[in-house]
Amino acid sequence: MDDIFLKAFGIDKGAVFITGAGGKTNLIKRLALEAKSRGMSVLITASTKMYLPDYADHVDLSGKCFDDQEISCGIYVVSEGIDHNKIFLDTPAKYNRLKERFDLMLIEADGSKKKPLKGWNHYEPVIYPCGDYTIGIINYSVLGMRLDESLVHRYAVFKVLTGLEDGDVIEKKHLYSLVSHKLGLFKASSGKKILYFSHSPVDADIEKQSMMTVCGDVFAERVRVL
């Protein structure tokens, strides 16, 4: 498998927290498979909750974090239990221990109820200081849509962050606000910040460059549209 995402993001090893809406779970799968193809050991877990990946080589739902096993190349999933087929790891100290044993950790750190946009309550996202990278996802496909509650998780908060009201057309400037606001996409980040535009049409090169110009001067270390 080509490791285009790892290369584009500049990720080698370490702990990666993924936040935002519109592609977290799919991005984790892609990064995990790319890292495995490099011969790396990959740990997947969630500081909030995510569905149990069906592509893992090893799964530990006991919370013991594979302490009694030798770690080798492959995809590992760790959880402190299972809740409606969702995994979670709520103990911060375990992240530091796991980071020492795995080449790459991929942590889903946010929830969006499968909606393409979201705002954040004070306790979201759940990101710990051990993070080397924070990837913030913005769903590119919402541009030009009219704002509706069906599109957004934490609707009231989102409207405050972006200045949008019901029925307004979503523009680049609103996504800029979502990224740059002190209570927005990167408010709890740890390590290098990577801004990723998901669901981008392949024939929108000019528009993508415009988006990168708009958002690239925000405090994100890297801006990628893939």
C-alpha atoms as a PDB file:
ATOM      1  CA  MET A   1       0.000   0.000   0.000  1.00  0.00           C
ATOM      2  CA  ASP A   2       1.247   3.496  -0.860  1.00  0.00           C
ATOM      3  CA  ASP A   3       1.845   5.566   2.280  1.00  0.00           C
ATOM      4  CA  ILE A   4       0.628   8.826   0.761  1.00  0.00           C
ATOM      5  CA  PHE A   5      -1.207  10.011   3.878  1.00  0.00           C
ATOM      6  CA  LEU A   6       1.672   9.396   6.282  1.00  0.00           C
ATOM      7  CA  LYS A   7       4.018  11.186   3.900  1.00  0.00           C
ATOM      8  CA  ALA A   8       1.641  14.080   3.272  1.00  0.00           C
ATOM      9  CA  PHE A   9       1.094  14.613   6.985  1.00  0.00           C
ATOM     10  CA  GLY A  10       4.786  14.191   7.812  1.00  0.00           C
ATOM     11  CA  ILE A  11       4.008  11.502  10.375  1.00  0.00           C
ATOM     12  CA  ASP A  12       6.667   8.953  11.265  1.00  0.00           C
ATOM     13  CA  LYS A  13       6.180   7.643  14.792  1.00  0.00           C
ATOM     14  CA  GLY A  14       4.392   8.769  17.943  1.00  0.00           C
ATOM     15  CA  ALA A  15       0.872   9.456  19.206  1.00  0.00           C
ATOM     16  CA  VAL A  16      -1.716  10.974  16.857  1.00  0.00           C
ATOM     17  CA  PHE A  17      -5.011  12.387  18.157  1.00  0.00           C
ATOM     18  CA  ILE A  18      -7.715  12.895  15.522  1.00  0.00           C
ATOM     19  CA  THR A  19     -10.521  15.394  15.971  1.00  0.00           C
ATOM     20  CA  GLY A  20     -13.220  17.117  13.935  1.00  0.00           C
ATOM     21  CA  ALA A  21     -15.983  15.675  11.776  1.00  0.00           C
ATOM     22  CA  GLY A  22     -16.323  13.985   8.430  1.00  0.00           C
ATOM     23  CA  GLY A  23     -13.808  11.190   8.233  1.00  0.00           C
ATOM     24  CA  LYS A  24     -12.014  10.384  11.496  1.00  0.00           C
ATOM     25  CA  THR A  25     -12.683   6.645  11.458  1.00  0.00           C
ATOM     26  CA  ASN A  26     -11.793   6.248   7.778  1.00  0.00           C
ATOM     27  CA  LEU A  27      -8.612   8.271   8.216  1.00  0.00           C
ATOM     28  CA  ILE A  28      -7.541   6.119  11.167  1.00  0.00           C
ATOM     29  CA  LYS A  29      -8.016   2.993   9.066  1.00  0.00           C
ATOM     30  CA  ARG A  30      -5.992   4.423   6.204  1.00  0.00           C
ATOM     31  CA  LEU A  31      -3.127   5.556   8.446  1.00  0.00           C
ATOM     32  CA  ALA A  32      -3.091   2.212  10.270  1.00  0.00           C
ATOM     33  CA  LEU A  33      -2.899   0.196   7.069  1.00  0.00           C
ATOM     34  CA  GLU A  34      -0.189   2.432   5.656  1.00  0.00           C
ATOM     35  CA  ALA A  35       1.882   2.128   8.826  1.00  0.00           C
ATOM     36  CA  LYS A  36       1.452  -1.643   8.884  1.00  0.00           C
ATOM     37  CA  SER A  37       2.695  -1.798   5.285  1.00  0.00           C
ATOM     38  CA  ARG A  38       5.833  -0.011   6.527  1.00  0.00           C
ATOM     39  CA  GLY A  39       6.376  -2.825   9.035  1.00  0.00           C
ATOM     40  CA  MET A  40       5.247  -0.785  12.021  1.00  0.00           C
ATOM     41  CA  SER A  41       3.318  -1.738  15.138  1.00  0.00           C
ATOM     42  CA  VAL A  42       0.127   0.340  15.295  1.00  0.00           C
ATOM     43  CA  LEU A  43      -2.152   0.879  18.292  1.00  0.00           C
ATOM     44  CA  ILE A  44      -5.733   2.092  17.784  1.00  0.00           C
ATOM     45  CA  THR A  45      -7.937   3.302  20.607  1.00  0.00           C
ATOM     46  CA  ALA A  46     -10.355   6.108  21.500  1.00  0.00           C
ATOM     47  CA  SER A  47     -10.230   8.719  24.234  1.00  0.00           C
ATOM     48  CA  THR A  48     -13.975   9.117  23.627  1.00  0.00           C
ATOM     49  CA  LYS A  49     -15.632   6.175  21.836  1.00  0.00           C
ATOM     50  CA  MET A  50     -15.351   4.635  18.381  1.00  0.00           C
ATOM     51  CA  TYR A  51     -16.675   1.494  16.750  1.00  0.00           C
ATOM     52  CA  LEU A  52     -14.450  -1.555  17.101  1.00  0.00           C
ATOM     53  CA  PRO A  53     -12.307  -1.736  13.926  1.00  0.00           C
ATOM     54  CA  ASP A  54     -12.880  -4.902  11.915  1.00  0.00           C
ATOM     55  CA  TYR A  55      -9.420  -4.867  10.320  1.00  0.00           C
ATOM     56  CA  ALA A  56      -7.282  -5.266  13.460  1.00  0.00           C
ATOM     57  CA  ASP A  57      -4.827  -8.139  13.848  1.00  0.00           C
ATOM     58  CA  HIS A  58      -5.011  -8.156  17.657  1.00  0.00           C
ATOM     59  CA  VAL A  59      -7.743  -6.941  20.031  1.00  0.00           C
ATOM     60  CA  ASP A  60      -7.535  -6.479  23.815  1.00  0.00           C
ATOM     61  CA  LEU A  61     -10.800  -5.375  25.444  1.00  0.00           C
ATOM     62  CA  SER A  62      -9.597  -6.049  28.975  1.00  0.00           C
ATOM     63  CA  GLY A  63      -7.725  -2.799  29.480  1.00  0.00           C
ATOM     64  CA  LYS A  64      -4.488  -4.718  30.136  1.00  0.00           C
ATOM     65  CA  CYS A  65      -2.976  -3.117  27.037  1.00  0.00           C
ATOM     66  CA  PHE A  66      -1.182  -6.242  25.793  1.00  0.00           C
ATOM     67  CA  ASP A  67       1.141  -6.098  28.819  1.00  0.00           C
ATOM     68  CA  ASP A  68       1.707  -9.850  28.670  1.00  0.00           C
ATOM     69  CA  GLN A  69       2.373  -9.987  24.909  1.00  0.00           C
ATOM     70  CA  GLU A  70       5.309  -9.212  22.676  1.00  0.00           C
ATOM     71  CA  ILE A  71       4.514  -6.443  20.197  1.00  0.00           C
ATOM     72  CA  SER A  72       5.410  -6.827  16.519  1.00  0.00           C
ATOM     73  CA  CYS A  73       4.296  -5.464  13.143  1.00  0.00           C
ATOM     74  CA  GLY A  74       0.515  -5.284  12.937  1.00  0.00           C
ATOM     75  CA  ILE A  75      -2.607  -3.407  13.998  1.00  0.00           C
ATOM     76  CA  TYR A  76      -3.605  -3.648  17.645  1.00  0.00           C
ATOM     77  CA  VAL A  77      -6.789  -2.388  19.302  1.00  0.00           C
ATOM     78  CA  VAL A  78      -6.949  -1.606  23.010  1.00  0.00           C
ATOM     79  CA  SER A  79     -10.065  -0.836  25.045  1.00  0.00           C
ATOM     80  CA  GLU A  80     -11.119  -0.895  28.680  1.00  0.00           C
ATOM     81  CA  GLY A  81     -14.310  -2.661  27.666  1.00  0.00           C
ATOM     82  CA  ILE A  82     -16.915  -2.677  24.930  1.00  0.00           C
ATOM     83  CA  ASP A  83     -20.081  -0.559  24.871  1.00  0.00           C
ATOM     84  CA  HIS A  84     -22.521  -1.163  22.003  1.00  0.00           C
ATOM     85  CA  ASN A  85     -19.574  -2.366  19.911  1.00  0.00           C
ATOM     86  CA  LYS A  86     -17.601   0.786  20.746  1.00  0.00           C
ATOM     87  CA  ILE A  87     -14.133   0.916  22.277  1.00  0.00           C
ATOM     88  CA  PHE A  88     -12.709   3.443  24.745  1.00  0.00           C
ATOM     89  CA  LEU A  89      -9.611   4.082  26.853  1.00  0.00           C
ATOM     90  CA  ASP A  90     -10.237   6.587  29.627  1.00  0.00           C
ATOM     91  CA  THR A  91      -7.073   6.224  31.738  1.00  0.00           C
ATOM     92  CA  PRO A  92      -4.478   8.887  30.754  1.00  0.00           C
ATOM     93  CA  ALA A  93      -1.530   7.028  32.329  1.00  0.00           C
ATOM     94  CA  LYS A  94      -2.091   4.075  30.001  1.00  0.00           C
ATOM     95  CA  TYR A  95      -1.442   6.260  26.968  1.00  0.00           C
ATOM     96  CA  ASN A  96       2.093   6.980  28.113  1.00  0.00           C
ATOM     97  CA  ARG A  97       2.744   3.287  28.713  1.00  0.00           C
ATOM     98  CA  LEU A  98       1.358   2.278  25.330  1.00  0.00           C
ATOM     99  CA  LYS A  99       3.352   4.978  23.537  1.00  0.00           C
ATOM    100  CA  GLU A 100       6.556   3.349  24.743  1.00  0.00           C
ATOM    101  CA  ARG A 101       5.563  -0.013  23.232  1.00  0.00           C
ATOM    102  CA  PHE A 102       4.086   0.905  19.849  1.00  0.00           C
ATOM    103  CA  ASP A 103       5.598   2.666  16.852  1.00  0.00           C
ATOM    104  CA  LEU A 104       2.396   4.569  16.134  1.00  0.00           C
ATOM    105  CA  MET A 105      -0.716   5.316  18.190  1.00  0.00           C
ATOM    106  CA  LEU A 106      -3.912   6.477  16.477  1.00  0.00           C
ATOM    107  CA  ILE A 107      -6.521   7.872  18.862  1.00  0.00           C
ATOM    108  CA  GLU A 108     -10.026   8.959  17.942  1.00  0.00           C
ATOM    109  CA  ALA A 109     -10.514  11.929  20.247  1.00  0.00           C
ATOM    110  CA  ASP A 110     -13.844  13.384  19.201  1.00  0.00           C
ATOM    111  CA  GLY A 111     -17.424  12.456  18.380  1.00  0.00           C
ATOM    112  CA  SER A 112     -19.734  13.947  15.767  1.00  0.00           C
ATOM    113  CA  LYS A 113     -22.735  11.595  15.635  1.00  0.00           C
ATOM    114  CA  LYS A 114     -21.897  10.865  11.964  1.00  0.00           C
ATOM    115  CA  LYS A 115     -22.639  14.470  11.006  1.00  0.00           C
ATOM    116  CA  PRO A 116     -20.279  16.389   8.702  1.00  0.00           C
ATOM    117  CA  LEU A 117     -19.812  19.382  11.022  1.00  0.00           C
ATOM    118  CA  LYS A 118     -19.607  20.002  14.737  1.00  0.00           C
ATOM    119  CA  GLY A 119     -19.005  22.442  17.560  1.00  0.00           C
ATOM    120  CA  TRP A 120     -17.264  21.554  20.820  1.00  0.00           C
ATOM    121  CA  ASN A 121     -18.449  21.499  24.396  1.00  0.00           C
ATOM    122  CA  HIS A 122     -15.943  22.452  27.092  1.00  0.00           C
ATOM    123  CA  TYR A 123     -14.883  18.833  27.605  1.00  0.00           C
ATOM    124  CA  GLU A 124     -14.281  18.111  23.919  1.00  0.00           C
ATOM    125  CA  PRO A 125     -12.139  16.900  22.260  1.00  0.00           C
ATOM    126  CA  VAL A 126     -10.358  14.568  24.694  1.00  0.00           C
ATOM    127  CA  ILE A 127      -6.649  14.973  23.953  1.00  0.00           C
ATOM    128  CA  TYR A 128      -3.823  14.109  26.352  1.00  0.00           C
ATOM    129  CA  PRO A 129      -0.356  15.759  26.621  1.00  0.00           C
ATOM    130  CA  CYS A 130       1.379  12.674  25.185  1.00  0.00           C
ATOM    131  CA  GLY A 131       0.256  13.626  21.665  1.00  0.00           C
ATOM    132  CA  ASP A 132       2.910  14.265  19.042  1.00  0.00           C
ATOM    133  CA  TYR A 133       0.353  15.251  16.400  1.00  0.00           C
ATOM    134  CA  THR A 134      -3.226  16.491  16.337  1.00  0.00           C
ATOM    135  CA  ILE A 135      -5.084  16.062  13.051  1.00  0.00           C
ATOM    136  CA  GLY A 136      -8.113  18.305  12.750  1.00  0.00           C
ATOM    137  CA  ILE A 137     -10.600  17.277  10.054  1.00  0.00           C
ATOM    138  CA  ILE A 138     -12.808  19.688   8.142  1.00  0.00           C
ATOM    139  CA  ASN A 139     -15.388  18.229   5.760  1.00  0.00           C
ATOM    140  CA  TYR A 140     -14.823  20.015   2.445  1.00  0.00           C
ATOM    141  CA  SER A 141     -18.122  18.856   0.947  1.00  0.00           C
ATOM    142  CA  VAL A 142     -20.216  21.217   3.095  1.00  0.00           C
ATOM    143  CA  LEU A 143     -19.121  24.305   1.177  1.00  0.00           C
ATOM    144  CA  GLY A 144     -22.106  25.900  -0.530  1.00  0.00           C
ATOM    145  CA  MET A 145     -24.667  24.060   1.583  1.00  0.00           C
ATOM    146  CA  ARG A 146     -27.247  25.935   3.629  1.00  0.00           C
ATOM    147  CA  LEU A 147     -26.841  25.536   7.355  1.00  0.00           C
ATOM    148  CA  ASP A 148     -29.286  23.119   8.896  1.00  0.00           C
ATOM    149  CA  GLU A 149     -29.289  21.331  12.236  1.00  0.00           C
ATOM    150  CA  SER A 150     -29.150  17.979  10.441  1.00  0.00           C
ATOM    151  CA  LEU A 151     -25.597  18.826   9.311  1.00  0.00           C
ATOM    152  CA  VAL A 152     -24.157  19.756  12.681  1.00  0.00           C
ATOM    153  CA  HIS A 153     -23.404  18.110  16.010  1.00  0.00           C
ATOM    154  CA  ARG A 154     -23.510  20.701  18.841  1.00  0.00           C
ATOM    155  CA  TYR A 155     -25.503  23.071  16.650  1.00  0.00           C
ATOM    156  CA  ALA A 156     -25.736  26.016  19.032  1.00  0.00           C
ATOM    157  CA  VAL A 157     -22.008  25.993  19.747  1.00  0.00           C
ATOM    158  CA  PHE A 158     -21.202  25.695  16.058  1.00  0.00           C
ATOM    159  CA  LYS A 159     -23.240  28.803  15.244  1.00  0.00           C
ATOM    160  CA  VAL A 160     -21.329  30.786  17.865  1.00  0.00           C
ATOM    161  CA  LEU A 161     -17.975  29.616  16.496  1.00  0.00           C
ATOM    162  CA  THR A 162     -18.784  30.429  12.866  1.00  0.00           C
ATOM    163  CA  GLY A 163     -21.287  33.279  13.050  1.00  0.00           C
ATOM    164  CA  LEU A 164     -23.682  31.278  10.868  1.00  0.00           C
ATOM    165  CA  GLU A 165     -27.445  31.283  11.330  1.00  0.00           C
ATOM    166  CA  ASP A 166     -30.155  28.912  10.107  1.00  0.00           C
ATOM    167  CA  GLY A 167     -30.279  28.801   6.328  1.00  0.00           C
ATOM    168  CA  ASP A 168     -27.019  30.695   5.734  1.00  0.00           C
ATOM    169  CA  VAL A 169     -24.740  29.416   2.976  1.00  0.00           C
ATOM    170  CA  ILE A 170     -21.556  27.830   4.352  1.00  0.00           C
ATOM    171  CA  GLU A 171     -18.508  29.613   2.909  1.00  0.00           C
ATOM    172  CA  LYS A 172     -14.735  29.321   3.257  1.00  0.00           C
ATOM    173  CA  LYS A 173     -14.681  32.149   5.807  1.00  0.00           C
ATOM    174  CA  HIS A 174     -16.933  30.115   8.107  1.00  0.00           C
ATOM    175  CA  LEU A 175     -14.617  27.115   7.964  1.00  0.00           C
ATOM    176  CA  TYR A 176     -11.731  29.489   8.671  1.00  0.00           C
ATOM    177  CA  SER A 177     -13.539  30.624  11.821  1.00  0.00           C
ATOM    178  CA  LEU A 178     -14.109  27.026  12.854  1.00  0.00           C
ATOM    179  CA  VAL A 179     -10.390  26.327  12.540  1.00  0.00           C
ATOM    180  CA  SER A 180      -8.978  29.563  13.953  1.00  0.00           C
ATOM    181  CA  HIS A 181     -11.342  30.201  16.877  1.00  0.00           C
ATOM    182  CA  LYS A 182      -9.672  29.634  20.249  1.00  0.00           C
ATOM    183  CA  LEU A 183     -12.527  27.282  21.130  1.00  0.00           C
ATOM    184  CA  GLY A 184     -12.581  25.658  17.698  1.00  0.00           C
ATOM    185  CA  LEU A 185     -10.983  22.682  15.996  1.00  0.00           C
ATOM    186  CA  PHE A 186      -7.558  22.835  17.661  1.00  0.00           C
ATOM    187  CA  LYS A 187      -8.545  24.126  21.094  1.00  0.00           C
ATOM    188  CA  ALA A 188      -7.178  21.126  23.006  1.00  0.00           C
ATOM    189  CA  SER A 189      -4.424  20.075  20.613  1.00  0.00           C
ATOM    190  CA  SER A 190      -1.146  18.423  21.593  1.00  0.00           C
ATOM    191  CA  GLY A 191       1.978  18.384  19.422  1.00  0.00           C
ATOM    192  CA  LYS A 192       2.058  19.461  15.777  1.00  0.00           C
ATOM    193  CA  LYS A 193      -1.257  20.589  14.310  1.00  0.00           C
ATOM    194  CA  ILE A 194      -2.315  19.153  10.950  1.00  0.00           C
ATOM    195  CA  LEU A 195      -5.383  20.481   9.153  1.00  0.00           C
ATOM    196  CA  TYR A 196      -6.991  17.939   6.812  1.00  0.00           C
ATOM    197  CA  PHE A 197      -9.807  18.659   4.363  1.00  0.00           C
ATOM    198  CA  SER A 198     -11.766  15.465   3.795  1.00  0.00           C
ATOM    199  CA  HIS A 199     -14.323  14.632   1.086  1.00  0.00           C
ATOM    200  CA  SER A 200     -12.657  16.893  -1.434  1.00  0.00           C
ATOM    201  CA  PRO A 201     -13.629  16.451  -5.111  1.00  0.00           C
ATOM    202  CA  VAL A 202     -10.691  15.471  -7.283  1.00  0.00           C
ATOM    203  CA  ASP A 203     -11.566  18.100  -9.895  1.00  0.00           C
ATOM    204  CA  ALA A 204     -11.483  21.038  -7.496  1.00  0.00           C
ATOM    205  CA  ASP A 205      -7.759  21.864  -7.618  1.00  0.00           C
ATOM    206  CA  ILE A 206      -8.250  25.625  -7.904  1.00  0.00           C
ATOM    207  CA  GLU A 207     -10.806  25.643  -5.101  1.00  0.00           C
ATOM    208  CA  LYS A 208      -8.587  23.450  -2.937  1.00  0.00           C
ATOM    209  CA  GLN A 209      -5.654  25.831  -3.363  1.00  0.00           C
ATOM    210  CA  SER A 210      -7.952  28.690  -2.388  1.00  0.00           C
ATOM    211  CA  MET A 211      -9.015  26.805   0.732  1.00  0.00           C
ATOM    212  CA  MET A 212      -5.390  26.182   1.646  1.00  0.00           C
ATOM    213  CA  THR A 213      -4.634  29.880   1.206  1.00  0.00           C
ATOM    214  CA  VAL A 214      -7.510  30.784   3.487  1.00  0.00           C
ATOM    215  CA  CYS A 215      -6.649  28.279   6.213  1.00  0.00           C
ATOM    216  CA  GLY A 216      -2.905  27.923   5.788  1.00  0.00           C
ATOM    217  CA  ASP A 217      -2.048  30.982   7.847  1.00  0.00           C
ATOM    218  CA  VAL A 218      -3.872  29.563  10.851  1.00  0.00           C
ATOM    219  CA  PHE A 219      -1.657  27.904  13.449  1.00  0.00           C
ATOM    220  CA  ALA A 220      -1.775  24.530  11.721  1.00  0.00           C
ATOM    221  CA  GLU A 221       1.708  23.176  10.966  1.00  0.00           C
ATOM    222  CA  ARG A 222       0.511  21.431   7.815  1.00  0.00           C
ATOM    223  CA  VAL A 223      -2.549  21.827   5.608  1.00  0.00           C
ATOM    224  CA  ARG A 224      -3.443  18.878   3.400  1.00  0.00           C
ATOM    225  CA  VAL A 225      -6.251  18.210   0.947  1.00  0.00           C
ATOM    226  CA  LEU A 226      -6.064  14.609  -0.290  1.00  0.00           C
END
